[in-house]
Amino acid sequence: MGGSGPADDGLLCVPVQTNAAGAFAVRTARPGAGEPRVGLAFTDEERLRAALGETQRWTRLSRPALLALLRPLGIVDVRLDPVYVGPQMPTADVLDYGPLMTAGERQAQWVPDEVW
């Protein structure tokens, strides 16, 4: 993988979490307090790990498949390659982490959504 666009097969890396029943659910976030939830997707595993950490589980889905999973939850937007997803911004300057973290189009902070 690598590169700046979705993998050659058109699939995205989508973060998931296991619920109490052991089933996987896609991870969502809020771009800011009080804003509607959005889906999250990454063009490659490296970007996902940079934003969510090394232990984040993920699966490969197409954008239409991800939207089909999110629509019953009232989610109609997917954000691609957010730089950071967490409760607070990192204390270090994110620009010190190299080109992966400096892409201007990506959002700098996301509030994770605990409703799965």
N, C-alpha and C. Protein backbone atom coordinates (compact mmCIF):
# COMPACT_ATOMS: atom_id res chain seq x y z
N MET A 1 0.85 -1.18 0.00
CA MET A 1 0.00 0.00 0.00
C MET A 1 0.88 1.23 0.00
N GLY A 2 0.33 2.36 0.36
CA GLY A 2 1.06 3.61 0.32
C GLY A 2 0.39 4.53 -0.67
N GLY A 3 1.05 5.60 -1.05
CA GLY A 3 0.46 6.51 -2.02
C GLY A 3 -0.56 7.43 -1.38
N SER A 4 -1.13 8.31 -2.20
CA SER A 4 -2.03 9.31 -1.64
C SER A 4 -3.50 9.02 -1.90
N GLY A 5 -3.83 8.00 -2.67
CA GLY A 5 -5.23 7.70 -2.96
C GLY A 5 -5.60 6.33 -2.46
N PRO A 6 -6.87 5.95 -2.62
CA PRO A 6 -7.30 4.62 -2.20
C PRO A 6 -6.48 3.53 -2.89
N ALA A 7 -6.40 2.39 -2.26
CA ALA A 7 -5.67 1.26 -2.84
C ALA A 7 -6.19 0.97 -4.24
N ASP A 8 -5.38 0.30 -5.03
CA ASP A 8 -5.73 0.01 -6.42
C ASP A 8 -7.08 -0.71 -6.55
N ASP A 9 -7.46 -1.48 -5.53
CA ASP A 9 -8.73 -2.21 -5.60
C ASP A 9 -9.92 -1.35 -5.19
N GLY A 10 -9.69 -0.07 -4.86
CA GLY A 10 -10.77 0.83 -4.49
C GLY A 10 -11.25 0.68 -3.06
N LEU A 11 -10.62 -0.20 -2.30
CA LEU A 11 -11.03 -0.41 -0.91
C LEU A 11 -10.30 0.53 0.03
N LEU A 12 -10.98 0.91 1.09
CA LEU A 12 -10.42 1.80 2.11
C LEU A 12 -10.17 1.02 3.39
N CYS A 13 -9.28 1.51 4.23
CA CYS A 13 -9.06 0.94 5.55
C CYS A 13 -10.02 1.64 6.51
N VAL A 14 -10.94 0.88 7.10
CA VAL A 14 -11.99 1.43 7.95
C VAL A 14 -11.78 0.92 9.37
N PRO A 15 -11.63 1.85 10.33
CA PRO A 15 -11.44 1.40 11.72
C PRO A 15 -12.71 0.76 12.27
N VAL A 16 -12.52 -0.31 13.03
CA VAL A 16 -13.64 -1.02 13.63
C VAL A 16 -13.36 -1.27 15.11
N GLN A 17 -14.43 -1.59 15.82
CA GLN A 17 -14.34 -1.94 17.23
C GLN A 17 -15.23 -3.14 17.44
N THR A 18 -14.86 -4.00 18.39
CA THR A 18 -15.69 -5.15 18.73
C THR A 18 -16.69 -4.73 19.80
N ASN A 19 -17.96 -5.05 19.60
CA ASN A 19 -18.97 -4.71 20.61
C ASN A 19 -19.07 -5.84 21.64
N ALA A 20 -19.97 -5.68 22.61
CA ALA A 20 -20.11 -6.65 23.70
C ALA A 20 -20.45 -8.06 23.20
N ALA A 21 -21.14 -8.15 22.07
CA ALA A 21 -21.51 -9.46 21.53
C ALA A 21 -20.39 -10.09 20.69
N GLY A 22 -19.28 -9.35 20.52
CA GLY A 22 -18.16 -9.86 19.75
C GLY A 22 -18.23 -9.53 18.27
N ALA A 23 -19.25 -8.78 17.87
CA ALA A 23 -19.39 -8.38 16.47
C ALA A 23 -18.60 -7.10 16.22
N PHE A 24 -18.17 -6.93 14.99
CA PHE A 24 -17.45 -5.71 14.62
C PHE A 24 -18.43 -4.60 14.27
N ALA A 25 -18.09 -3.39 14.65
CA ALA A 25 -18.86 -2.20 14.29
C ALA A 25 -17.87 -1.15 13.79
N VAL A 26 -18.25 -0.41 12.76
CA VAL A 26 -17.35 0.63 12.25
C VAL A 26 -17.25 1.75 13.26
N ARG A 27 -16.09 2.34 13.34
CA ARG A 27 -15.84 3.43 14.28
C ARG A 27 -16.29 4.74 13.65
N THR A 28 -16.93 5.57 14.45
CA THR A 28 -17.37 6.88 14.00
C THR A 28 -16.74 7.95 14.88
N ALA A 29 -16.89 9.20 14.48
CA ALA A 29 -16.34 10.31 15.26
C ALA A 29 -17.19 11.54 15.03
N ARG A 30 -16.97 12.55 15.83
CA ARG A 30 -17.60 13.85 15.65
C ARG A 30 -16.50 14.86 15.34
N PRO A 31 -16.65 15.63 14.25
CA PRO A 31 -15.62 16.63 13.91
C PRO A 31 -15.47 17.70 14.99
N GLY A 32 -16.47 17.88 15.82
CA GLY A 32 -16.42 18.84 16.91
C GLY A 32 -17.59 18.58 17.84
N ALA A 33 -17.53 19.15 19.03
CA ALA A 33 -18.60 18.95 20.00
C ALA A 33 -19.93 19.41 19.41
N GLY A 34 -20.95 18.56 19.53
CA GLY A 34 -22.28 18.90 19.06
C GLY A 34 -22.50 18.71 17.57
N GLU A 35 -21.47 18.36 16.82
CA GLU A 35 -21.62 18.15 15.38
C GLU A 35 -22.05 16.72 15.11
N PRO A 36 -22.70 16.47 13.97
CA PRO A 36 -23.15 15.11 13.65
C PRO A 36 -21.96 14.14 13.49
N ARG A 37 -22.22 12.88 13.80
CA ARG A 37 -21.20 11.85 13.62
C ARG A 37 -20.87 11.67 12.15
N VAL A 38 -19.64 11.26 11.89
CA VAL A 38 -19.19 10.94 10.54
C VAL A 38 -18.49 9.58 10.58
N GLY A 39 -18.45 8.94 9.43
CA GLY A 39 -17.65 7.73 9.30
C GLY A 39 -16.20 8.11 9.09
N LEU A 40 -15.30 7.18 9.38
CA LEU A 40 -13.88 7.40 9.20
C LEU A 40 -13.33 6.35 8.24
N ALA A 41 -12.44 6.77 7.35
CA ALA A 41 -11.80 5.84 6.44
C ALA A 41 -10.42 6.38 6.10
N PHE A 42 -9.53 5.48 5.75
CA PHE A 42 -8.15 5.85 5.44
C PHE A 42 -7.72 5.19 4.14
N THR A 43 -6.88 5.88 3.40
CA THR A 43 -6.44 5.36 2.11
C THR A 43 -5.41 4.25 2.25
N ASP A 44 -4.77 4.15 3.41
CA ASP A 44 -3.86 3.03 3.64
C ASP A 44 -3.68 2.81 5.14
N GLU A 45 -3.12 1.66 5.48
CA GLU A 45 -2.94 1.27 6.87
C GLU A 45 -2.02 2.23 7.61
N GLU A 46 -1.01 2.74 6.94
CA GLU A 46 -0.05 3.66 7.58
C GLU A 46 -0.77 4.91 8.10
N ARG A 47 -1.65 5.46 7.31
CA ARG A 47 -2.38 6.66 7.74
C ARG A 47 -3.34 6.34 8.89
N LEU A 48 -3.99 5.18 8.83
CA LEU A 48 -4.87 4.76 9.91
C LEU A 48 -4.09 4.64 11.21
N ARG A 49 -2.96 3.97 11.17
CA ARG A 49 -2.13 3.77 12.38
C ARG A 49 -1.61 5.10 12.92
N ALA A 50 -1.25 6.03 12.04
CA ALA A 50 -0.76 7.33 12.48
C ALA A 50 -1.84 8.11 13.22
N ALA A 51 -3.08 7.97 12.79
CA ALA A 51 -4.18 8.73 13.41
C ALA A 51 -4.77 8.03 14.63
N LEU A 52 -4.82 6.69 14.62
CA LEU A 52 -5.55 5.96 15.65
C LEU A 52 -4.69 5.05 16.51
N GLY A 53 -3.43 4.88 16.16
CA GLY A 53 -2.55 4.05 16.96
C GLY A 53 -2.35 2.66 16.39
N GLU A 54 -1.31 2.03 16.85
CA GLU A 54 -0.90 0.71 16.34
C GLU A 54 -1.89 -0.41 16.66
N THR A 55 -2.68 -0.27 17.71
CA THR A 55 -3.58 -1.36 18.11
C THR A 55 -4.98 -1.26 17.53
N GLN A 56 -5.25 -0.21 16.75
CA GLN A 56 -6.59 -0.04 16.18
C GLN A 56 -6.90 -1.16 15.18
N ARG A 57 -8.01 -1.86 15.38
CA ARG A 57 -8.46 -2.88 14.43
C ARG A 57 -9.09 -2.18 13.24
N TRP A 58 -9.03 -2.82 12.09
CA TRP A 58 -9.61 -2.24 10.88
C TRP A 58 -9.98 -3.33 9.90
N THR A 59 -10.78 -2.94 8.91
CA THR A 59 -11.16 -3.85 7.83
C THR A 59 -11.14 -3.07 6.53
N ARG A 60 -11.19 -3.78 5.42
CA ARG A 60 -11.20 -3.13 4.11
C ARG A 60 -12.64 -3.10 3.59
N LEU A 61 -13.11 -1.91 3.23
CA LEU A 61 -14.45 -1.74 2.69
C LEU A 61 -14.40 -0.71 1.56
N SER A 62 -15.32 -0.84 0.63
CA SER A 62 -15.48 0.22 -0.37
C SER A 62 -16.25 1.37 0.27
N ARG A 63 -16.15 2.54 -0.31
CA ARG A 63 -16.91 3.68 0.22
C ARG A 63 -18.43 3.41 0.20
N PRO A 64 -18.99 2.84 -0.92
CA PRO A 64 -20.43 2.54 -0.90
C PRO A 64 -20.82 1.56 0.20
N ALA A 65 -19.99 0.54 0.46
CA ALA A 65 -20.30 -0.42 1.51
C ALA A 65 -20.27 0.25 2.89
N LEU A 66 -19.29 1.12 3.11
CA LEU A 66 -19.20 1.83 4.38
C LEU A 66 -20.43 2.72 4.58
N LEU A 67 -20.81 3.45 3.53
CA LEU A 67 -22.00 4.32 3.63
C LEU A 67 -23.26 3.49 3.89
N ALA A 68 -23.35 2.31 3.31
CA ALA A 68 -24.51 1.44 3.54
C ALA A 68 -24.59 1.01 5.01
N LEU A 69 -23.45 0.82 5.64
CA LEU A 69 -23.44 0.47 7.06
C LEU A 69 -23.78 1.67 7.94
N LEU A 70 -23.42 2.86 7.50
CA LEU A 70 -23.61 4.07 8.31
C LEU A 70 -25.00 4.69 8.18
N ARG A 71 -25.62 4.55 7.01
CA ARG A 71 -26.93 5.21 6.78
C ARG A 71 -28.00 4.84 7.81
N PRO A 72 -28.13 3.58 8.25
CA PRO A 72 -29.14 3.27 9.27
C PRO A 72 -28.90 4.02 10.59
N LEU A 73 -27.68 4.49 10.80
CA LEU A 73 -27.35 5.28 12.00
C LEU A 73 -27.57 6.77 11.77
N GLY A 74 -28.01 7.13 10.56
CA GLY A 74 -28.21 8.54 10.23
C GLY A 74 -26.94 9.26 9.83
N ILE A 75 -25.89 8.50 9.53
CA ILE A 75 -24.60 9.08 9.14
C ILE A 75 -24.50 9.07 7.63
N VAL A 76 -24.27 10.23 7.04
CA VAL A 76 -24.22 10.33 5.57
C VAL A 76 -22.88 10.85 5.06
N ASP A 77 -21.93 11.09 5.96
CA ASP A 77 -20.64 11.66 5.57
C ASP A 77 -19.50 10.77 6.04
N VAL A 78 -18.50 10.58 5.18
CA VAL A 78 -17.29 9.85 5.54
C VAL A 78 -16.11 10.79 5.37
N ARG A 79 -15.30 10.90 6.39
CA ARG A 79 -14.09 11.74 6.32
C ARG A 79 -12.90 10.84 6.02
N LEU A 80 -12.16 11.21 5.01
CA LEU A 80 -11.03 10.43 4.54
C LEU A 80 -9.72 10.97 5.09
N ASP A 81 -8.92 10.10 5.67
CA ASP A 81 -7.58 10.40 6.18
C ASP A 81 -7.51 11.55 7.18
N PRO A 82 -8.33 11.52 8.24
CA PRO A 82 -8.12 12.54 9.28
C PRO A 82 -6.74 12.32 9.91
N VAL A 83 -6.07 13.38 10.31
CA VAL A 83 -4.72 13.28 10.87
C VAL A 83 -4.73 12.67 12.26
N TYR A 84 -5.70 13.05 13.07
CA TYR A 84 -5.72 12.61 14.46
C TYR A 84 -7.16 12.40 14.89
N VAL A 85 -7.42 11.30 15.57
CA VAL A 85 -8.75 11.02 16.12
C VAL A 85 -8.55 10.68 17.58
N GLY A 86 -9.00 11.53 18.47
CA GLY A 86 -8.83 11.27 19.89
C GLY A 86 -9.43 12.35 20.74
N PRO A 87 -9.39 12.15 22.06
CA PRO A 87 -10.03 13.09 22.96
C PRO A 87 -9.33 14.43 23.07
N GLN A 88 -8.07 14.49 22.75
CA GLN A 88 -7.36 15.77 22.80
C GLN A 88 -6.24 15.75 21.78
N MET A 89 -5.80 16.93 21.41
CA MET A 89 -4.70 17.02 20.45
C MET A 89 -3.42 16.52 21.08
N PRO A 90 -2.51 15.95 20.30
CA PRO A 90 -1.21 15.55 20.83
C PRO A 90 -0.47 16.79 21.33
N THR A 91 0.39 16.59 22.33
CA THR A 91 1.11 17.74 22.88
C THR A 91 2.26 18.16 21.97
N ALA A 92 2.78 17.26 21.15
CA ALA A 92 3.87 17.60 20.23
C ALA A 92 3.31 18.31 19.00
N ASP A 93 4.16 19.04 18.34
CA ASP A 93 3.77 19.73 17.10
C ASP A 93 3.58 18.67 16.01
N VAL A 94 2.35 18.53 15.48
CA VAL A 94 2.09 17.49 14.49
C VAL A 94 2.89 17.69 13.22
N LEU A 95 3.33 18.89 12.95
CA LEU A 95 4.13 19.12 11.74
C LEU A 95 5.51 18.50 11.84
N ASP A 96 5.96 18.13 13.03
CA ASP A 96 7.26 17.50 13.21
C ASP A 96 7.26 16.04 12.81
N TYR A 97 6.10 15.48 12.49
CA TYR A 97 6.03 14.06 12.20
C TYR A 97 6.16 13.73 10.72
N GLY A 98 6.47 14.70 9.89
CA GLY A 98 6.76 14.43 8.50
C GLY A 98 5.56 14.57 7.58
N PRO A 99 5.74 14.18 6.32
CA PRO A 99 4.75 14.43 5.29
C PRO A 99 3.41 13.76 5.52
N LEU A 100 3.38 12.62 6.19
CA LEU A 100 2.11 11.93 6.43
C LEU A 100 1.16 12.82 7.23
N MET A 101 1.70 13.58 8.17
CA MET A 101 0.88 14.37 9.06
C MET A 101 0.65 15.80 8.57
N THR A 102 1.22 16.18 7.43
CA THR A 102 1.14 17.58 7.03
C THR A 102 0.22 17.85 5.86
N ALA A 103 -0.48 16.86 5.37
CA ALA A 103 -1.37 17.09 4.23
C ALA A 103 -2.43 18.12 4.61
N GLY A 104 -2.52 19.19 3.85
CA GLY A 104 -3.39 20.31 4.18
C GLY A 104 -4.87 20.02 4.16
N GLU A 105 -5.34 19.05 3.38
CA GLU A 105 -6.77 18.80 3.26
C GLU A 105 -7.34 18.06 4.46
N ARG A 106 -6.52 17.35 5.20
CA ARG A 106 -7.04 16.53 6.28
C ARG A 106 -7.31 17.35 7.53
N GLN A 107 -8.28 16.92 8.32
CA GLN A 107 -8.67 17.62 9.54
C GLN A 107 -7.66 17.34 10.64
N ALA A 108 -7.50 18.27 11.57
CA ALA A 108 -6.50 18.15 12.62
C ALA A 108 -7.01 17.45 13.87
N GLN A 109 -8.28 17.51 14.18
CA GLN A 109 -8.76 16.89 15.41
C GLN A 109 -10.16 16.34 15.22
N TRP A 110 -10.43 15.22 15.88
CA TRP A 110 -11.74 14.58 15.85
C TRP A 110 -12.06 14.13 17.25
N VAL A 111 -13.28 14.26 17.63
CA VAL A 111 -13.73 13.79 18.93
C VAL A 111 -14.31 12.39 18.72
N PRO A 112 -13.72 11.36 19.35
CA PRO A 112 -14.24 10.02 19.12
C PRO A 112 -15.67 9.89 19.64
N ASP A 113 -16.41 9.06 19.00
CA ASP A 113 -17.81 8.87 19.36
C ASP A 113 -17.94 7.53 20.07
N GLU A 114 -18.40 7.54 21.28
CA GLU A 114 -18.47 6.31 22.07
C GLU A 114 -19.74 5.50 21.83
N VAL A 115 -20.65 5.99 20.97
CA VAL A 115 -21.86 5.24 20.65
C VAL A 115 -21.59 4.39 19.43
N TRP A 116 -21.61 3.10 19.58
CA TRP A 116 -21.30 2.19 18.46
C TRP A 116 -22.57 1.51 18.08
